N, C-alpha and C. Protein backbone atom coordinates (compact mmCIF):
# COMPACT_ATOMS: atom_id res chain seq x y z
N MET A 1 0.89 -1.23 -0.15
CA MET A 1 -0.18 0.15 -0.13
C MET A 1 0.51 1.13 0.10
N GLN A 2 0.38 1.96 -0.66
CA GLN A 2 1.50 3.42 -0.59
C GLN A 2 0.17 4.34 0.71
N MET A 3 1.47 5.17 0.77
CA MET A 3 0.84 6.60 2.34
C MET A 3 0.13 7.11 1.57
N GLU A 4 -1.68 7.36 2.42
CA GLU A 4 -1.74 8.28 2.22
C GLU A 4 -2.55 9.55 3.21
N ALA A 5 -3.31 10.20 3.05
CA ALA A 5 -3.87 10.71 4.34
C ALA A 5 -5.23 10.20 5.40
N GLY A 6 -5.70 9.38 4.35
CA GLY A 6 -6.19 8.83 5.57
C GLY A 6 -5.32 7.49 5.66
N LEU A 7 -6.50 6.36 7.30
CA LEU A 7 -5.68 5.98 7.23
C LEU A 7 -6.43 4.37 6.19
N ASP A 8 -5.31 3.26 6.36
CA ASP A 8 -6.00 3.21 5.21
C ASP A 8 -6.33 2.85 3.94
N SER A 9 -6.01 3.44 3.12
CA SER A 9 -6.59 4.18 2.24
C SER A 9 -5.58 4.49 0.42
N GLY A 10 -4.83 3.82 1.29
CA GLY A 10 -3.68 4.00 -0.41
C GLY A 10 -4.01 3.36 -0.91
N PRO A 11 -3.23 3.50 -2.41
CA PRO A 11 -3.64 1.71 -3.12
C PRO A 11 -2.62 1.06 -2.96
N VAL A 12 -3.90 -0.02 -3.68
CA VAL A 12 -3.23 -2.03 -3.15
C VAL A 12 -1.87 -1.92 -3.81
N LEU A 13 -1.11 -2.30 -3.11
CA LEU A 13 0.46 -2.80 -4.33
C LEU A 13 0.76 -4.56 -5.35
N MET A 14 0.38 -4.87 -3.87
CA MET A 14 -0.46 -6.55 -3.53
C MET A 14 -1.22 -6.74 -2.60
N GLN A 15 -1.45 -8.33 -3.03
CA GLN A 15 -2.61 -9.31 -1.41
C GLN A 15 -2.69 -10.55 -2.68
N ALA A 16 -2.78 -10.78 -0.46
CA ALA A 16 -3.06 -12.82 -0.77
C ALA A 16 -4.74 -13.36 -0.98
N LYS A 17 -5.40 -13.83 -0.25
CA LYS A 17 -5.90 -14.38 -0.05
C LYS A 17 -5.98 -15.78 0.90
N THR A 18 -6.60 -15.92 1.84
CA THR A 18 -6.37 -17.66 2.89
C THR A 18 -7.37 -18.45 2.92
N PRO A 19 -7.88 -19.29 3.36
CA PRO A 19 -9.23 -19.91 3.70
C PRO A 19 -8.68 -19.59 5.70
N ILE A 20 -10.10 -19.07 6.11
CA ILE A 20 -9.82 -19.49 7.35
C ILE A 20 -10.87 -20.58 7.90
N GLY A 21 -10.32 -21.39 8.55
CA GLY A 21 -10.24 -22.72 9.21
C GLY A 21 -11.46 -22.19 9.53
N GLY A 22 -12.47 -23.78 9.67
CA GLY A 22 -12.78 -24.12 11.02
C GLY A 22 -12.70 -23.93 13.11
N ASP A 23 -10.64 -23.90 12.70
CA ASP A 23 -9.75 -24.54 13.69
C ASP A 23 -9.21 -22.81 14.55
N ASP A 24 -8.99 -22.19 13.13
CA ASP A 24 -8.66 -21.19 13.03
C ASP A 24 -8.83 -20.28 14.09
N ASP A 25 -8.69 -19.47 14.80
CA ASP A 25 -9.20 -18.38 16.35
C ASP A 25 -7.83 -17.44 15.23
N ALA A 26 -7.93 -16.10 15.89
CA ALA A 26 -7.21 -14.94 16.14
C ALA A 26 -6.06 -15.13 15.71
N GLY A 27 -5.10 -15.43 16.82
CA GLY A 27 -3.74 -15.80 16.99
C GLY A 27 -3.40 -17.34 16.09
N SER A 28 -3.80 -17.46 15.68
CA SER A 28 -3.04 -18.17 14.64
C SER A 28 -3.72 -18.16 13.38
N LEU A 29 -4.59 -16.62 12.70
CA LEU A 29 -4.72 -16.16 11.90
C LEU A 29 -3.62 -14.84 11.62
N HIS A 30 -3.86 -14.97 12.94
CA HIS A 30 -2.17 -13.22 12.35
C HIS A 30 -1.16 -14.20 12.40
N ASP A 31 -0.85 -15.03 13.22
CA ASP A 31 0.76 -15.72 12.61
C ASP A 31 0.34 -15.96 10.73
N ARG A 32 -0.55 -16.43 10.54
CA ARG A 32 -0.11 -16.86 9.09
C ARG A 32 -0.61 -15.40 7.66
N LEU A 33 -1.05 -14.88 8.74
CA LEU A 33 -1.32 -13.39 7.97
C LEU A 33 0.46 -12.77 7.93
N ALA A 34 0.70 -12.96 8.71
CA ALA A 34 2.64 -12.46 8.95
C ALA A 34 3.23 -13.02 8.06
N GLY A 35 3.32 -13.87 8.14
CA GLY A 35 3.84 -15.25 7.41
C GLY A 35 3.74 -14.97 5.55
N ILE A 36 2.46 -14.38 5.16
CA ILE A 36 1.84 -14.03 3.92
C ILE A 36 3.02 -12.87 3.78
N GLY A 37 1.91 -12.17 5.11
CA GLY A 37 2.45 -10.24 4.36
C GLY A 37 4.13 -10.12 4.41
N ALA A 38 5.31 -11.13 5.24
CA ALA A 38 6.60 -11.09 4.66
C ALA A 38 6.60 -11.54 3.15
N ASP A 39 6.30 -12.19 2.58
CA ASP A 39 6.25 -12.45 1.57
C ASP A 39 5.95 -11.84 0.97
N LEU A 40 4.77 -11.20 0.79
CA LEU A 40 4.65 -10.33 0.04
C LEU A 40 5.47 -8.86 -0.22
N ILE A 41 5.98 -8.94 1.11
CA ILE A 41 6.59 -7.64 0.90
C ILE A 41 7.60 -7.87 -0.09
N VAL A 42 8.57 -8.84 0.27
CA VAL A 42 9.60 -9.85 -0.47
C VAL A 42 9.50 -10.01 -2.30
N GLU A 43 7.65 -10.34 -2.62
CA GLU A 43 7.56 -10.01 -3.16
C GLU A 43 8.10 -8.29 -4.37
N ALA A 44 6.98 -7.92 -3.86
CA ALA A 44 6.32 -6.71 -3.54
C ALA A 44 7.81 -5.29 -4.42
N LEU A 45 9.03 -5.68 -3.65
CA LEU A 45 9.94 -4.55 -3.44
C LEU A 45 10.74 -5.70 -4.80
N VAL A 46 10.91 -7.10 -4.96
CA VAL A 46 11.21 -7.65 -6.83
C VAL A 46 10.35 -7.25 -6.92
N GLU A 47 9.61 -6.70 -7.53
CA GLU A 47 8.42 -5.75 -8.14
C GLU A 47 8.64 -4.98 -8.67
N LEU A 48 8.79 -3.95 -8.06
CA LEU A 48 9.52 -2.43 -7.04
C LEU A 48 10.38 -2.14 -8.61
N GLU A 49 11.90 -2.86 -7.73
CA GLU A 49 12.74 -2.62 -8.08
C GLU A 49 12.51 -3.06 -10.26
N SER A 50 11.59 -2.86 -11.10
CA SER A 50 11.83 -3.88 -12.21
C SER A 50 10.63 -3.28 -12.86
N SER A 51 10.11 -2.27 -11.99
CA SER A 51 9.25 -0.82 -12.94
C SER A 51 7.51 -2.18 -13.09
N ARG A 52 6.98 -3.32 -12.35
CA ARG A 52 6.53 -3.25 -12.44
C ARG A 52 5.62 -3.54 -11.44
N LEU A 53 5.98 -3.30 -10.51
CA LEU A 53 4.43 -2.90 -9.12
C LEU A 53 3.52 -2.17 -9.86
N LEU A 54 2.61 -2.52 -10.14
CA LEU A 54 0.91 -1.44 -10.20
C LEU A 54 -0.10 -1.20 -8.98
N ALA A 55 0.07 0.11 -9.08
CA ALA A 55 -0.84 0.29 -8.30
C ALA A 55 -1.78 0.26 -7.90
N ILE A 56 -3.09 0.07 -7.03
CA ILE A 56 -4.29 -0.78 -7.90
C ILE A 56 -5.35 0.45 -6.72
N PRO A 57 -5.75 1.56 -7.04
CA PRO A 57 -6.89 1.82 -5.93
C PRO A 57 -8.07 1.48 -5.16
N GLN A 58 -8.54 1.51 -3.82
CA GLN A 58 -9.20 0.53 -3.55
C GLN A 58 -10.23 0.85 -3.12
N PRO A 59 -11.88 0.73 -3.84
CA PRO A 59 -13.04 2.18 -3.58
C PRO A 59 -13.13 2.34 -2.82
N LYS A 60 -13.83 2.67 -3.09
CA LYS A 60 -14.52 3.78 -2.47
C LYS A 60 -15.15 3.83 -1.29
N LEU A 61 -16.89 2.55 -1.81
CA LEU A 61 -18.13 2.03 -1.62
C LEU A 61 -17.09 1.20 -0.37
N GLY A 62 -18.54 0.59 0.53
CA GLY A 62 -17.49 -0.58 1.54
C GLY A 62 -16.97 -0.24 2.37
N ILE A 63 -15.99 0.72 2.55
CA ILE A 63 -14.93 0.74 3.84
C ILE A 63 -15.04 1.11 5.25
N THR A 64 -14.83 0.85 5.99
CA THR A 64 -15.63 0.31 7.72
C THR A 64 -13.61 1.35 8.77
N TYR A 65 -13.81 1.35 9.67
CA TYR A 65 -13.67 1.66 10.28
C TYR A 65 -13.64 0.28 11.45
N ALA A 66 -12.92 -0.19 12.34
CA ALA A 66 -12.62 -1.27 12.63
C ALA A 66 -11.69 -0.62 14.35
N GLY A 67 -12.09 -0.26 14.75
CA GLY A 67 -12.39 0.06 16.05
C GLY A 67 -11.41 -1.02 17.61
N LYS A 68 -10.89 -0.51 17.97
CA LYS A 68 -10.06 -1.51 19.10
C LYS A 68 -11.43 -2.12 19.55
N ILE A 69 -11.27 -3.38 20.29
CA ILE A 69 -11.99 -4.06 20.43
C ILE A 69 -12.44 -3.98 22.25
N ASP A 70 -13.79 -3.30 22.73
CA ASP A 70 -14.05 -3.28 23.72
C ASP A 70 -14.45 -3.85 25.11
N LYS A 71 -14.09 -3.79 25.48
CA LYS A 71 -14.17 -5.48 26.92
C LYS A 71 -15.91 -6.10 26.70
N ARG A 72 -16.61 -4.88 26.68
CA ARG A 72 -18.25 -5.51 26.45
C ARG A 72 -18.47 -6.05 25.30
N GLU A 73 -17.68 -6.42 24.99
CA GLU A 73 -17.92 -6.58 23.30
C GLU A 73 -17.62 -8.22 23.25
N THR A 74 -17.15 -8.43 24.61
CA THR A 74 -16.06 -10.13 24.69
C THR A 74 -17.39 -11.03 25.73
N ARG A 75 -17.61 -10.19 25.75
CA ARG A 75 -19.11 -10.85 26.77
C ARG A 75 -20.66 -11.68 25.83
N LEU A 76 -20.46 -12.99 26.05
CA LEU A 76 -21.31 -13.96 25.74
C LEU A 76 -22.81 -13.51 25.85
N ASP A 77 -23.75 -13.88 24.39
CA ASP A 77 -24.92 -13.24 24.77
C ASP A 77 -25.07 -14.12 24.31
N TRP A 78 -25.81 -15.47 26.24
CA TRP A 78 -25.81 -16.71 24.64
C TRP A 78 -27.13 -16.79 24.43
N THR A 79 -28.13 -15.98 24.28
CA THR A 79 -29.41 -15.53 23.53
C THR A 79 -29.51 -15.79 21.69
N ARG A 80 -27.83 -15.53 21.51
CA ARG A 80 -27.65 -15.58 19.72
C ARG A 80 -27.61 -16.76 19.70
N PRO A 81 -27.50 -17.56 18.68
CA PRO A 81 -26.88 -18.85 18.07
C PRO A 81 -25.96 -19.59 18.69
N ALA A 82 -25.64 -20.60 18.70
CA ALA A 82 -24.01 -20.75 19.52
C ALA A 82 -23.35 -20.84 17.63
N ALA A 83 -23.69 -20.95 16.97
CA ALA A 83 -22.36 -20.99 15.83
C ALA A 83 -21.55 -19.84 16.00
N GLU A 84 -22.64 -18.82 16.21
CA GLU A 84 -22.27 -16.86 16.34
C GLU A 84 -21.25 -16.91 17.44
N LEU A 85 -22.07 -18.01 18.40
CA LEU A 85 -20.72 -17.41 20.12
C LEU A 85 -19.60 -18.48 20.19
N GLU A 86 -19.60 -19.49 18.78
CA GLU A 86 -18.47 -20.07 18.66
C GLU A 86 -17.48 -19.43 18.47
N ARG A 87 -18.04 -19.15 17.57
CA ARG A 87 -16.53 -17.89 16.02
C ARG A 87 -16.27 -16.96 16.85
N ALA A 88 -17.04 -16.87 17.99
CA ALA A 88 -16.99 -15.15 18.95
C ALA A 88 -15.58 -15.95 19.66
N VAL A 89 -15.24 -16.71 19.88
CA VAL A 89 -15.05 -17.58 21.77
C VAL A 89 -13.01 -17.87 20.77
N ARG A 90 -13.08 -18.22 18.93
CA ARG A 90 -12.41 -18.02 18.09
C ARG A 90 -11.78 -16.96 18.24
N ALA A 91 -12.94 -16.00 17.67
CA ALA A 91 -11.87 -14.49 17.18
C ALA A 91 -11.68 -13.99 18.19
N PHE A 92 -11.70 -14.48 20.12
CA PHE A 92 -11.15 -13.80 20.89
C PHE A 92 -9.80 -14.37 21.41
N ARG A 93 -9.84 -15.35 21.39
CA ARG A 93 -8.35 -15.92 21.41
C ARG A 93 -7.03 -15.59 20.24
N PRO A 94 -6.81 -15.24 20.96
CA PRO A 94 -5.82 -15.68 22.14
C PRO A 94 -6.03 -14.18 23.69
N VAL A 95 -6.13 -13.52 22.53
CA VAL A 95 -6.44 -11.86 23.63
C VAL A 95 -7.81 -11.12 23.08
N PRO A 96 -8.10 -10.32 23.47
CA PRO A 96 -8.63 -11.20 25.11
C PRO A 96 -9.79 -11.74 26.23
N GLY A 97 -9.59 -12.47 24.88
CA GLY A 97 -10.90 -13.70 25.59
C GLY A 97 -13.30 -13.91 25.40
N ALA A 98 -12.93 -14.90 24.93
CA ALA A 98 -14.02 -14.74 25.52
C ALA A 98 -15.18 -14.52 26.50
N SER A 99 -16.19 -13.35 27.59
CA SER A 99 -16.14 -14.33 28.98
C SER A 99 -17.03 -14.29 28.74
N ALA A 100 -18.15 -14.27 29.98
CA ALA A 100 -19.45 -14.62 30.63
C ALA A 100 -18.97 -15.08 31.89
N ARG A 101 -20.72 -14.42 33.06
CA ARG A 101 -20.11 -15.72 34.01
C ARG A 101 -21.09 -16.70 34.33
N LEU A 102 -21.08 -17.43 35.54
CA LEU A 102 -21.00 -18.56 35.38
C LEU A 102 -21.34 -19.06 36.55
N GLY A 103 -22.71 -18.97 37.22
CA GLY A 103 -23.51 -19.46 39.14
C GLY A 103 -22.28 -18.13 39.25
N GLY A 104 -22.40 -17.03 39.25
CA GLY A 104 -21.33 -15.58 40.29
C GLY A 104 -20.01 -15.29 39.76
N LEU A 105 -18.81 -16.67 39.52
CA LEU A 105 -17.82 -16.18 38.40
C LEU A 105 -17.77 -15.91 36.72
N GLU A 106 -16.75 -14.67 37.65
CA GLU A 106 -15.96 -14.29 36.40
C GLU A 106 -15.54 -14.99 35.14
N ILE A 107 -15.77 -15.68 34.40
CA ILE A 107 -14.26 -16.99 33.39
C ILE A 107 -14.26 -16.01 31.89
N LYS A 108 -12.79 -16.78 32.04
CA LYS A 108 -12.96 -16.41 30.89
C LYS A 108 -13.55 -17.80 28.99
N ILE A 109 -13.78 -17.52 28.36
CA ILE A 109 -13.84 -19.34 27.86
C ILE A 109 -12.88 -19.00 26.22
N TRP A 110 -12.11 -20.28 26.68
CA TRP A 110 -11.30 -20.18 25.42
C TRP A 110 -10.93 -21.66 24.88
N ARG A 111 -11.93 -22.22 24.54
CA ARG A 111 -12.32 -23.55 23.81
C ARG A 111 -14.23 -24.26 23.34
N ALA A 112 -14.36 -23.88 22.68
CA ALA A 112 -16.17 -23.81 22.60
C ALA A 112 -16.25 -24.84 21.61
N ARG A 113 -17.26 -26.11 21.00
CA ARG A 113 -17.86 -26.34 20.31
C ARG A 113 -19.07 -26.10 20.10
N LEU A 114 -20.15 -26.77 19.20
CA LEU A 114 -21.22 -26.46 18.74
C LEU A 114 -21.60 -28.35 19.26
N ALA A 115 -22.76 -27.91 19.73
CA ALA A 115 -23.50 -29.43 20.79
C ALA A 115 -24.76 -29.98 20.56
N PRO A 116 -25.02 -31.07 20.55
CA PRO A 116 -26.55 -31.11 19.96
C PRO A 116 -26.96 -30.62 21.57
N GLY A 117 -28.43 -30.22 21.78
CA GLY A 117 -29.34 -30.09 23.25
C GLY A 117 -30.18 -27.96 22.54
N GLY A 118 -30.69 -28.73 21.86
CA GLY A 118 -31.84 -27.32 21.28
C GLY A 118 -32.77 -27.85 21.67
N ALA A 119 -32.94 -28.39 23.45
CA ALA A 119 -34.20 -28.28 24.11
C ALA A 119 -34.19 -27.33 25.09
N LEU A 120 -32.33 -26.59 24.82
CA LEU A 120 -31.68 -26.11 26.48
C LEU A 120 -31.67 -24.54 25.90
N LYS A 121 -32.59 -23.47 27.09
CA LYS A 121 -32.69 -22.20 26.92
C LYS A 121 -30.98 -22.38 27.39
N PRO A 122 -31.29 -20.23 27.12
CA PRO A 122 -30.11 -19.64 26.83
C PRO A 122 -29.58 -19.52 27.62
N GLY A 123 -28.43 -19.78 27.99
CA GLY A 123 -27.60 -19.70 29.34
C GLY A 123 -27.29 -20.94 30.27
N GLU A 124 -29.32 -22.35 30.33
CA GLU A 124 -29.54 -23.42 30.83
C GLU A 124 -28.37 -24.25 30.64
N LEU A 125 -27.75 -25.80 31.55
CA LEU A 125 -26.48 -26.14 31.22
C LEU A 125 -26.88 -27.70 31.34
N THR A 126 -26.21 -27.70 30.89
CA THR A 126 -26.26 -29.67 30.99
C THR A 126 -25.15 -30.07 30.53
N ASP A 127 -25.33 -31.64 30.78
CA ASP A 127 -24.39 -32.78 30.34
C ASP A 127 -22.11 -31.57 30.91
N GLY A 128 -22.47 -31.64 31.93
CA GLY A 128 -21.24 -30.49 32.84
C GLY A 128 -21.12 -29.58 32.15
N LEU A 129 -20.72 -28.66 31.09
CA LEU A 129 -20.68 -28.10 30.84
C LEU A 129 -21.28 -26.92 29.42
N VAL A 130 -22.44 -28.53 28.49
CA VAL A 130 -23.25 -27.31 27.57
C VAL A 130 -23.99 -26.91 28.21
N ALA A 131 -23.71 -25.62 26.79
CA ALA A 131 -25.28 -24.81 27.46
C ALA A 131 -25.89 -23.91 25.87
N GLY A 132 -27.40 -23.99 26.66
CA GLY A 132 -27.95 -23.80 24.98
C GLY A 132 -28.25 -22.38 25.15
N CYS A 133 -28.32 -22.22 23.84
CA CYS A 133 -27.79 -20.69 23.50
C CYS A 133 -29.22 -20.73 21.99
N GLY A 134 -29.79 -18.81 22.06
CA GLY A 134 -30.78 -18.95 21.21
C GLY A 134 -30.93 -20.06 20.09
N GLN A 135 -29.93 -20.25 19.44
CA GLN A 135 -30.52 -21.65 18.93
C GLN A 135 -29.05 -22.34 18.83
N GLY A 136 -29.33 -23.78 19.10
CA GLY A 136 -28.34 -24.72 19.60
C GLY A 136 -27.90 -25.06 20.28
N ALA A 137 -26.94 -25.40 20.41
CA ALA A 137 -26.34 -25.66 22.50
C ALA A 137 -24.05 -25.76 21.93
N LEU A 138 -23.93 -25.14 22.64
CA LEU A 138 -22.55 -25.12 22.89
C LEU A 138 -21.56 -25.69 23.92
N GLU A 139 -20.94 -26.86 23.70
CA GLU A 139 -20.14 -26.99 24.67
C GLU A 139 -18.90 -26.53 25.25
N ILE A 140 -18.67 -26.37 25.92
CA ILE A 140 -17.37 -25.21 26.64
C ILE A 140 -16.57 -26.45 26.87
N LEU A 141 -14.98 -26.13 26.49
CA LEU A 141 -13.85 -27.30 26.58
C LEU A 141 -13.21 -26.60 27.34
N GLU A 142 -12.48 -26.03 27.42
CA GLU A 142 -11.95 -25.49 28.08
C GLU A 142 -12.00 -23.60 28.53
N LEU A 143 -12.05 -23.58 30.07
CA LEU A 143 -12.17 -21.69 29.92
C LEU A 143 -10.96 -21.92 31.66
N GLN A 144 -11.39 -20.56 32.23
CA GLN A 144 -10.85 -20.22 33.12
C GLN A 144 -11.67 -18.93 33.96
N ARG A 145 -11.27 -19.07 35.67
CA ARG A 145 -11.62 -18.39 36.70
C ARG A 145 -10.71 -17.22 36.48
N ALA A 146 -11.50 -15.93 37.05
CA ALA A 146 -10.97 -14.44 37.57
C ALA A 146 -9.83 -15.16 38.03
N GLY A 147 -8.44 -14.64 37.39
CA GLY A 147 -7.45 -15.38 38.36
C GLY A 147 -6.48 -17.08 39.07
N GLY A 148 -6.91 -17.50 38.58
CA GLY A 148 -6.91 -19.27 37.79
C GLY A 148 -6.42 -18.85 36.72
N ARG A 149 -6.38 -19.95 36.76
CA ARG A 149 -5.25 -20.95 34.71
C ARG A 149 -6.31 -20.75 33.75
N ARG A 150 -6.24 -22.07 32.63
CA ARG A 150 -6.70 -21.85 32.86
C ARG A 150 -7.30 -24.05 32.16
N LEU A 151 -8.50 -24.69 32.62
CA LEU A 151 -8.78 -25.27 32.52
C LEU A 151 -9.08 -26.62 31.76
N SER A 152 -8.91 -27.53 31.59
CA SER A 152 -10.33 -28.20 30.75
C SER A 152 -11.81 -27.37 31.72
N ALA A 153 -12.56 -28.53 30.75
CA ALA A 153 -14.16 -28.31 31.29
C ALA A 153 -14.07 -29.43 31.89
N PRO A 154 -13.26 -30.57 31.81
CA PRO A 154 -13.55 -30.92 33.75
C PRO A 154 -13.18 -31.56 34.88
N GLU A 155 -11.73 -30.36 34.28
CA GLU A 155 -10.81 -30.25 35.56
C GLU A 155 -11.76 -29.08 36.30
N PHE A 156 -12.51 -28.13 35.33
CA PHE A 156 -12.29 -27.06 35.92
C PHE A 156 -13.81 -27.40 37.18
N LEU A 157 -15.50 -28.21 36.49
CA LEU A 157 -16.40 -29.01 37.23
C LEU A 157 -14.98 -30.05 38.76
N ARG A 158 -13.97 -30.86 38.49
CA ARG A 158 -13.93 -30.89 39.52
C ARG A 158 -13.31 -30.09 41.04
N GLY A 159 -13.42 -29.13 40.35
CA GLY A 159 -12.67 -27.87 41.57
C GLY A 159 -13.31 -27.18 41.37
N HIS A 160 -14.74 -26.69 41.34
CA HIS A 160 -15.63 -26.23 40.87
C HIS A 160 -16.44 -26.30 40.60
N PRO A 161 -17.11 -26.95 41.77
CA PRO A 161 -19.08 -28.20 40.97
C PRO A 161 -19.78 -27.14 41.42
N LEU A 162 -20.93 -26.87 40.10
CA LEU A 162 -21.57 -25.98 40.34
C LEU A 162 -23.18 -26.70 40.46
N PRO A 163 -23.96 -25.67 41.17
CA PRO A 163 -25.06 -25.91 41.34
C PRO A 163 -26.18 -25.92 40.60
N GLY A 164 -27.46 -27.41 40.82
CA GLY A 164 -28.02 -27.87 39.66
C GLY A 164 -28.51 -26.70 38.57
N ASP A 165 -28.94 -25.58 39.39
CA ASP A 165 -29.49 -23.96 39.11
C ASP A 165 -28.59 -23.14 38.55
N ALA A 166 -26.70 -23.38 38.24
CA ALA A 166 -26.56 -22.65 37.86
C ALA A 166 -26.11 -23.04 36.75
N ARG A 167 -26.38 -21.54 35.99
CA ARG A 167 -26.44 -21.35 34.34
C ARG A 167 -25.41 -20.15 34.20
N PHE A 168 -25.16 -19.61 33.29
CA PHE A 168 -24.03 -18.84 32.03
C PHE A 168 -24.71 -17.88 32.10
N GLU A 169 -24.73 -16.33 32.45
CA GLU A 169 -25.18 -14.97 32.03
C GLU A 169 -25.10 -14.16 31.45
């Protein structure tokens, strides 16, 4: 990209695409993009030296600004579809981490996957840490209590048995 007065508004010199897989999170995507970016810089320098580098203006339509993630955005809303919450958990890993309240405890949810459990109400728990969502259910695989370390769901439940009416808030 060439410098302009606007933020990320200059012409594009090179670009590449990469798929986002079902196991990718913000950390793995960051690392992959860093490698792709390094390769493109080297390629762009070769093209620049040979005068073959072409600057393509960015379209004016569809430009958005992504601000800094606010802590409130990391709070999982259990009325949302399970697929959306699973993607949010991956999007906020490794930082800042998806957050929720469980039985009065403030926790971070580090790993989760879609699970059967369509009859559960949002936030309601069954089978350990399978939580109902607005649509579908989410199995919590790894979580962390404030001030604690990351634990698998079974490890967490051994140290923090939940009452039968515990639910995600």
